Structure formats: C-alpha cells, structure tokens
Amino acid sequence: MTKNKLPLKDYLAVNAPQLISIILLLWALYPNNPYGYYIFLRIVCCLTFAYIAMRFYYSDKLVFMWITVGFGILYNPVIRIHLEREIWSVINIITIVVIVISLFLLRDFNNK
C-alpha cells in the first residue's frame, strides 16, 4: 500500500510555521539583531511549538508532544527566561534540530 504524498503547496502550508521558525532561528544566530527581534522570535517560536504540540497530540505521539510543550515554555514571551547570548545560540541550534525532526515525525500526519 503506497502513501499519498501531499502536493508541495499543501506541504508548505501545513508546515509553514516550522519553516518560518527555522529561518528566524537561523537569523537569530547573527549577533547584531535588535532586542525586539528576539521578542518577535519568542512569540513566533512559542506559537509554532504550540502548533507542533497539537499535531503530535492528534497523531498520538505524546512524548514528542511534551518535548515541544517544553520548548514552547522556554520560548514563551510572557515569563521570559533570561540567558546569555551564547547559551541562546546553542539553544537555537538545538531548537532547529527539534523542528526538523518534527517535520519528519509528522509527515505521516500530513497525509491524513
């Protein structure tokens, strides 16, 4: 039994939050961004991780749901966690890896 693949435009629409977050996280590695950029990044990443957590919940991947909830809490813009720029750079890279993994883990969910 072969799986139906999502057309590219539908794939991009379903995964737009993750793809946008990856681009923003890569840009955050540039050291001369204004402080407002990082607030914007927190808002986008928090919402993206809420979206990913919801998709993991509906695909019955609860361990990954809780991992993404943790990242959502880390990036929440209301109760901010203050860390040094170097630490945030490492966290941003780890976050990119987590988002890319979520794209692979949720590809079966995209075909439903």
N, C-alpha and C. Protein backbone atom coordinates (compact mmCIF):
# COMPACT_ATOMS: atom_id res chain seq x y z
N MET A 1 0.84 -1.17 0.00
CA MET A 1 0.00 0.00 0.00
C MET A 1 0.89 1.24 0.00
N THR A 2 0.72 2.10 -0.96
CA THR A 2 1.53 3.31 -1.04
C THR A 2 0.80 4.48 -0.40
N LYS A 3 1.57 5.34 0.18
CA LYS A 3 1.00 6.52 0.81
C LYS A 3 0.89 7.63 -0.22
N ASN A 4 -0.19 8.37 -0.12
CA ASN A 4 -0.35 9.54 -0.99
C ASN A 4 0.52 10.66 -0.44
N LYS A 5 1.28 11.26 -1.32
CA LYS A 5 2.12 12.38 -0.91
C LYS A 5 1.32 13.67 -1.05
N LEU A 6 1.58 14.58 -0.15
CA LEU A 6 0.94 15.88 -0.19
C LEU A 6 1.56 16.70 -1.32
N PRO A 7 0.74 17.43 -2.09
CA PRO A 7 1.33 18.34 -3.08
C PRO A 7 2.19 19.38 -2.36
N LEU A 8 3.18 19.90 -3.05
CA LEU A 8 4.15 20.80 -2.44
C LEU A 8 3.49 22.00 -1.78
N LYS A 9 2.51 22.62 -2.44
CA LYS A 9 1.89 23.81 -1.85
C LYS A 9 1.14 23.46 -0.58
N ASP A 10 0.52 22.28 -0.52
CA ASP A 10 -0.16 21.86 0.71
C ASP A 10 0.85 21.54 1.80
N TYR A 11 1.96 20.91 1.43
CA TYR A 11 3.02 20.60 2.40
C TYR A 11 3.57 21.88 3.01
N LEU A 12 3.82 22.87 2.15
CA LEU A 12 4.35 24.15 2.65
C LEU A 12 3.33 24.86 3.53
N ALA A 13 2.05 24.76 3.19
CA ALA A 13 1.02 25.41 4.00
C ALA A 13 0.92 24.76 5.38
N VAL A 14 0.96 23.44 5.44
CA VAL A 14 0.84 22.72 6.71
C VAL A 14 2.08 22.95 7.58
N ASN A 15 3.23 23.04 6.95
CA ASN A 15 4.49 23.15 7.69
C ASN A 15 5.07 24.56 7.69
N ALA A 16 4.30 25.54 7.28
CA ALA A 16 4.79 26.93 7.24
C ALA A 16 5.31 27.42 8.59
N PRO A 17 4.60 27.15 9.71
CA PRO A 17 5.14 27.65 10.98
C PRO A 17 6.54 27.11 11.29
N GLN A 18 6.75 25.81 11.03
CA GLN A 18 8.07 25.25 11.29
C GLN A 18 9.13 25.85 10.37
N LEU A 19 8.81 25.99 9.10
CA LEU A 19 9.78 26.52 8.15
C LEU A 19 10.13 27.97 8.45
N ILE A 20 9.12 28.77 8.81
CA ILE A 20 9.36 30.16 9.18
C ILE A 20 10.22 30.24 10.44
N SER A 21 9.92 29.38 11.41
CA SER A 21 10.70 29.38 12.66
C SER A 21 12.16 29.02 12.41
N ILE A 22 12.39 28.06 11.54
CA ILE A 22 13.77 27.68 11.22
C ILE A 22 14.52 28.86 10.64
N ILE A 23 13.90 29.57 9.72
CA ILE A 23 14.55 30.74 9.10
C ILE A 23 14.84 31.80 10.16
N LEU A 24 13.86 32.08 11.02
CA LEU A 24 14.04 33.09 12.06
C LEU A 24 15.12 32.68 13.06
N LEU A 25 15.17 31.39 13.41
CA LEU A 25 16.19 30.91 14.35
C LEU A 25 17.58 30.98 13.74
N LEU A 26 17.69 30.70 12.45
CA LEU A 26 18.99 30.85 11.80
C LEU A 26 19.42 32.31 11.79
N TRP A 27 18.48 33.22 11.52
CA TRP A 27 18.80 34.64 11.52
C TRP A 27 19.18 35.12 12.92
N ALA A 28 18.61 34.49 13.95
CA ALA A 28 18.92 34.88 15.33
C ALA A 28 20.37 34.59 15.70
N LEU A 29 21.05 33.74 14.94
CA LEU A 29 22.46 33.45 15.21
C LEU A 29 23.35 34.64 14.85
N TYR A 30 22.83 35.56 14.04
CA TYR A 30 23.55 36.79 13.71
C TYR A 30 23.59 37.65 14.97
N PRO A 31 24.77 38.06 15.42
CA PRO A 31 24.87 38.69 16.75
C PRO A 31 24.37 40.12 16.85
N ASN A 32 24.12 40.81 15.75
CA ASN A 32 23.77 42.23 15.83
C ASN A 32 22.28 42.51 15.63
N ASN A 33 21.43 41.55 15.94
CA ASN A 33 19.99 41.78 15.84
C ASN A 33 19.53 42.67 16.98
N PRO A 34 18.52 43.51 16.73
CA PRO A 34 17.98 44.33 17.82
C PRO A 34 17.20 43.47 18.81
N TYR A 35 17.04 43.96 20.03
CA TYR A 35 16.36 43.21 21.08
C TYR A 35 14.93 42.85 20.68
N GLY A 36 14.26 43.75 19.96
CA GLY A 36 12.88 43.49 19.52
C GLY A 36 12.77 42.25 18.64
N TYR A 37 13.84 41.95 17.89
CA TYR A 37 13.83 40.75 17.05
C TYR A 37 13.68 39.49 17.90
N TYR A 38 14.36 39.47 19.03
CA TYR A 38 14.31 38.29 19.88
C TYR A 38 12.96 38.14 20.57
N ILE A 39 12.30 39.25 20.86
CA ILE A 39 10.93 39.18 21.39
C ILE A 39 10.01 38.60 20.33
N PHE A 40 10.15 39.10 19.09
CA PHE A 40 9.36 38.57 17.97
C PHE A 40 9.64 37.08 17.78
N LEU A 41 10.91 36.69 17.87
CA LEU A 41 11.30 35.29 17.74
C LEU A 41 10.63 34.43 18.81
N ARG A 42 10.60 34.93 20.03
CA ARG A 42 9.94 34.19 21.12
C ARG A 42 8.46 33.97 20.83
N ILE A 43 7.79 35.00 20.34
CA ILE A 43 6.36 34.88 20.03
C ILE A 43 6.15 33.84 18.94
N VAL A 44 6.91 33.93 17.87
CA VAL A 44 6.75 33.00 16.74
C VAL A 44 7.08 31.58 17.17
N CYS A 45 8.19 31.39 17.89
CA CYS A 45 8.57 30.03 18.31
C CYS A 45 7.58 29.45 19.31
N CYS A 46 7.08 30.25 20.22
CA CYS A 46 6.10 29.76 21.20
C CYS A 46 4.84 29.28 20.48
N LEU A 47 4.35 30.08 19.54
CA LEU A 47 3.17 29.68 18.78
C LEU A 47 3.45 28.46 17.90
N THR A 48 4.63 28.41 17.31
CA THR A 48 5.00 27.27 16.48
C THR A 48 5.03 25.99 17.31
N PHE A 49 5.61 26.05 18.50
CA PHE A 49 5.68 24.85 19.33
C PHE A 49 4.30 24.45 19.85
N ALA A 50 3.42 25.41 20.06
CA ALA A 50 2.04 25.06 20.43
C ALA A 50 1.38 24.32 19.27
N TYR A 51 1.60 24.78 18.05
CA TYR A 51 1.06 24.14 16.85
C TYR A 51 1.63 22.73 16.67
N ILE A 52 2.95 22.60 16.84
CA ILE A 52 3.58 21.29 16.70
C ILE A 52 3.07 20.35 17.79
N ALA A 53 2.94 20.83 19.02
CA ALA A 53 2.45 20.00 20.12
C ALA A 53 1.04 19.50 19.82
N MET A 54 0.20 20.36 19.28
CA MET A 54 -1.15 19.96 18.92
C MET A 54 -1.13 18.87 17.85
N ARG A 55 -0.27 19.02 16.88
CA ARG A 55 -0.18 18.00 15.82
C ARG A 55 0.35 16.68 16.38
N PHE A 56 1.32 16.73 17.30
CA PHE A 56 1.80 15.50 17.94
C PHE A 56 0.69 14.87 18.78
N TYR A 57 -0.10 15.68 19.45
CA TYR A 57 -1.21 15.17 20.26
C TYR A 57 -2.20 14.39 19.39
N TYR A 58 -2.57 14.97 18.26
CA TYR A 58 -3.54 14.33 17.38
C TYR A 58 -2.96 13.14 16.61
N SER A 59 -1.64 13.03 16.57
CA SER A 59 -1.03 11.86 15.94
C SER A 59 -0.58 10.83 16.98
N ASP A 60 -1.02 11.03 18.25
CA ASP A 60 -0.74 10.10 19.35
C ASP A 60 0.75 9.90 19.62
N LYS A 61 1.52 10.94 19.47
CA LYS A 61 2.96 10.91 19.79
C LYS A 61 3.16 11.81 21.00
N LEU A 62 2.72 11.31 22.16
CA LEU A 62 2.64 12.16 23.34
C LEU A 62 4.00 12.53 23.94
N VAL A 63 4.98 11.66 23.81
CA VAL A 63 6.31 12.01 24.32
C VAL A 63 6.84 13.23 23.57
N PHE A 64 6.69 13.21 22.26
CA PHE A 64 7.16 14.35 21.45
C PHE A 64 6.29 15.58 21.70
N MET A 65 5.02 15.38 22.01
CA MET A 65 4.16 16.50 22.35
C MET A 65 4.71 17.22 23.58
N TRP A 66 5.08 16.46 24.62
CA TRP A 66 5.60 17.08 25.84
C TRP A 66 6.95 17.74 25.62
N ILE A 67 7.77 17.18 24.74
CA ILE A 67 9.05 17.82 24.41
C ILE A 67 8.79 19.19 23.78
N THR A 68 7.85 19.24 22.85
CA THR A 68 7.56 20.51 22.19
C THR A 68 6.86 21.49 23.14
N VAL A 69 6.08 20.99 24.07
CA VAL A 69 5.49 21.86 25.09
C VAL A 69 6.62 22.51 25.90
N GLY A 70 7.64 21.74 26.24
CA GLY A 70 8.78 22.27 26.97
C GLY A 70 9.48 23.38 26.19
N PHE A 71 9.66 23.19 24.89
CA PHE A 71 10.27 24.24 24.08
C PHE A 71 9.36 25.46 23.99
N GLY A 72 8.06 25.23 23.93
CA GLY A 72 7.12 26.34 23.93
C GLY A 72 7.22 27.17 25.19
N ILE A 73 7.38 26.50 26.32
CA ILE A 73 7.55 27.21 27.60
C ILE A 73 8.87 27.98 27.60
N LEU A 74 9.92 27.36 27.07
CA LEU A 74 11.23 28.02 27.01
C LEU A 74 11.15 29.32 26.21
N TYR A 75 10.40 29.32 25.12
CA TYR A 75 10.33 30.48 24.24
C TYR A 75 9.16 31.40 24.55
N ASN A 76 8.38 31.13 25.60
CA ASN A 76 7.21 31.97 25.85
C ASN A 76 7.62 33.42 26.09
N PRO A 77 6.86 34.35 25.51
CA PRO A 77 7.24 35.76 25.61
C PRO A 77 6.74 36.46 26.88
N VAL A 78 5.91 35.80 27.66
CA VAL A 78 5.32 36.44 28.83
C VAL A 78 6.24 36.32 30.04
N ILE A 79 6.60 35.10 30.39
CA ILE A 79 7.53 34.85 31.50
C ILE A 79 8.85 34.43 30.87
N ARG A 80 9.67 35.42 30.59
CA ARG A 80 10.89 35.16 29.82
C ARG A 80 11.98 34.53 30.69
N ILE A 81 12.73 33.65 30.05
CA ILE A 81 13.90 33.06 30.67
C ILE A 81 15.11 33.83 30.14
N HIS A 82 15.86 34.45 31.02
CA HIS A 82 16.99 35.28 30.61
C HIS A 82 18.28 34.45 30.68
N LEU A 83 18.92 34.31 29.53
CA LEU A 83 20.18 33.58 29.43
C LEU A 83 21.15 34.43 28.61
N GLU A 84 22.42 34.08 28.67
CA GLU A 84 23.44 34.76 27.88
C GLU A 84 23.23 34.46 26.39
N ARG A 85 23.69 35.37 25.56
CA ARG A 85 23.54 35.23 24.11
C ARG A 85 24.16 33.93 23.59
N GLU A 86 25.31 33.54 24.13
CA GLU A 86 25.98 32.32 23.67
C GLU A 86 25.13 31.08 23.99
N ILE A 87 24.51 31.08 25.15
CA ILE A 87 23.65 29.96 25.53
C ILE A 87 22.43 29.91 24.62
N TRP A 88 21.84 31.07 24.35
CA TRP A 88 20.69 31.11 23.45
C TRP A 88 21.07 30.64 22.05
N SER A 89 22.29 30.93 21.61
CA SER A 89 22.72 30.45 20.29
C SER A 89 22.72 28.93 20.24
N VAL A 90 23.22 28.29 21.29
CA VAL A 90 23.22 26.82 21.35
C VAL A 90 21.78 26.31 21.40
N ILE A 91 20.94 26.95 22.22
CA ILE A 91 19.54 26.54 22.31
C ILE A 91 18.84 26.71 20.97
N ASN A 92 19.14 27.78 20.25
CA ASN A 92 18.53 28.00 18.93
C ASN A 92 18.91 26.89 17.95
N ILE A 93 20.15 26.45 18.00
CA ILE A 93 20.58 25.37 17.11
C ILE A 93 19.87 24.07 17.49
N ILE A 94 19.79 23.78 18.78
CA ILE A 94 19.05 22.59 19.24
C ILE A 94 17.59 22.69 18.82
N THR A 95 17.02 23.88 18.92
CA THR A 95 15.63 24.09 18.53
C THR A 95 15.42 23.81 17.05
N ILE A 96 16.35 24.25 16.22
CA ILE A 96 16.26 23.97 14.78
C ILE A 96 16.24 22.47 14.55
N VAL A 97 17.11 21.74 15.25
CA VAL A 97 17.16 20.28 15.10
C VAL A 97 15.82 19.66 15.52
N VAL A 98 15.25 20.13 16.63
CA VAL A 98 13.97 19.60 17.10
C VAL A 98 12.87 19.87 16.08
N ILE A 99 12.86 21.05 15.50
CA ILE A 99 11.84 21.38 14.50
C ILE A 99 12.00 20.51 13.25
N VAL A 100 13.23 20.31 12.81
CA VAL A 100 13.46 19.46 11.63
C VAL A 100 13.01 18.03 11.92
N ILE A 101 13.32 17.52 13.11
CA ILE A 101 12.86 16.18 13.50
C ILE A 101 11.34 16.12 13.49
N SER A 102 10.70 17.18 13.97
CA SER A 102 9.23 17.19 13.98
C SER A 102 8.66 17.13 12.56
N LEU A 103 9.34 17.76 11.62
CA LEU A 103 8.88 17.69 10.23
C LEU A 103 8.87 16.24 9.73
N PHE A 104 9.89 15.47 10.10
CA PHE A 104 9.95 14.08 9.68
C PHE A 104 8.94 13.22 10.44
N LEU A 105 8.80 13.45 11.74
CA LEU A 105 7.89 12.64 12.54
C LEU A 105 6.43 12.89 12.21
N LEU A 106 6.13 14.09 11.71
CA LEU A 106 4.74 14.43 11.41
C LEU A 106 4.39 14.29 9.94
N ARG A 107 5.29 13.76 9.14
CA ARG A 107 4.96 13.67 7.69
C ARG A 107 3.83 12.68 7.43
N ASP A 108 3.69 11.62 8.26
CA ASP A 108 2.56 10.72 8.09
C ASP A 108 1.27 11.42 8.45
N PHE A 109 1.32 12.29 9.46
CA PHE A 109 0.14 13.06 9.87
C PHE A 109 -0.31 13.98 8.76
N ASN A 110 0.63 14.47 7.95
CA ASN A 110 0.29 15.37 6.84
C ASN A 110 -0.55 14.67 5.79
N ASN A 111 -0.43 13.35 5.67
CA ASN A 111 -1.13 12.61 4.63
C ASN A 111 -2.53 12.19 5.01
N LYS A 112 -2.94 12.46 6.24
CA LYS A 112 -4.28 12.04 6.69
C LYS A 112 -5.34 12.95 6.14
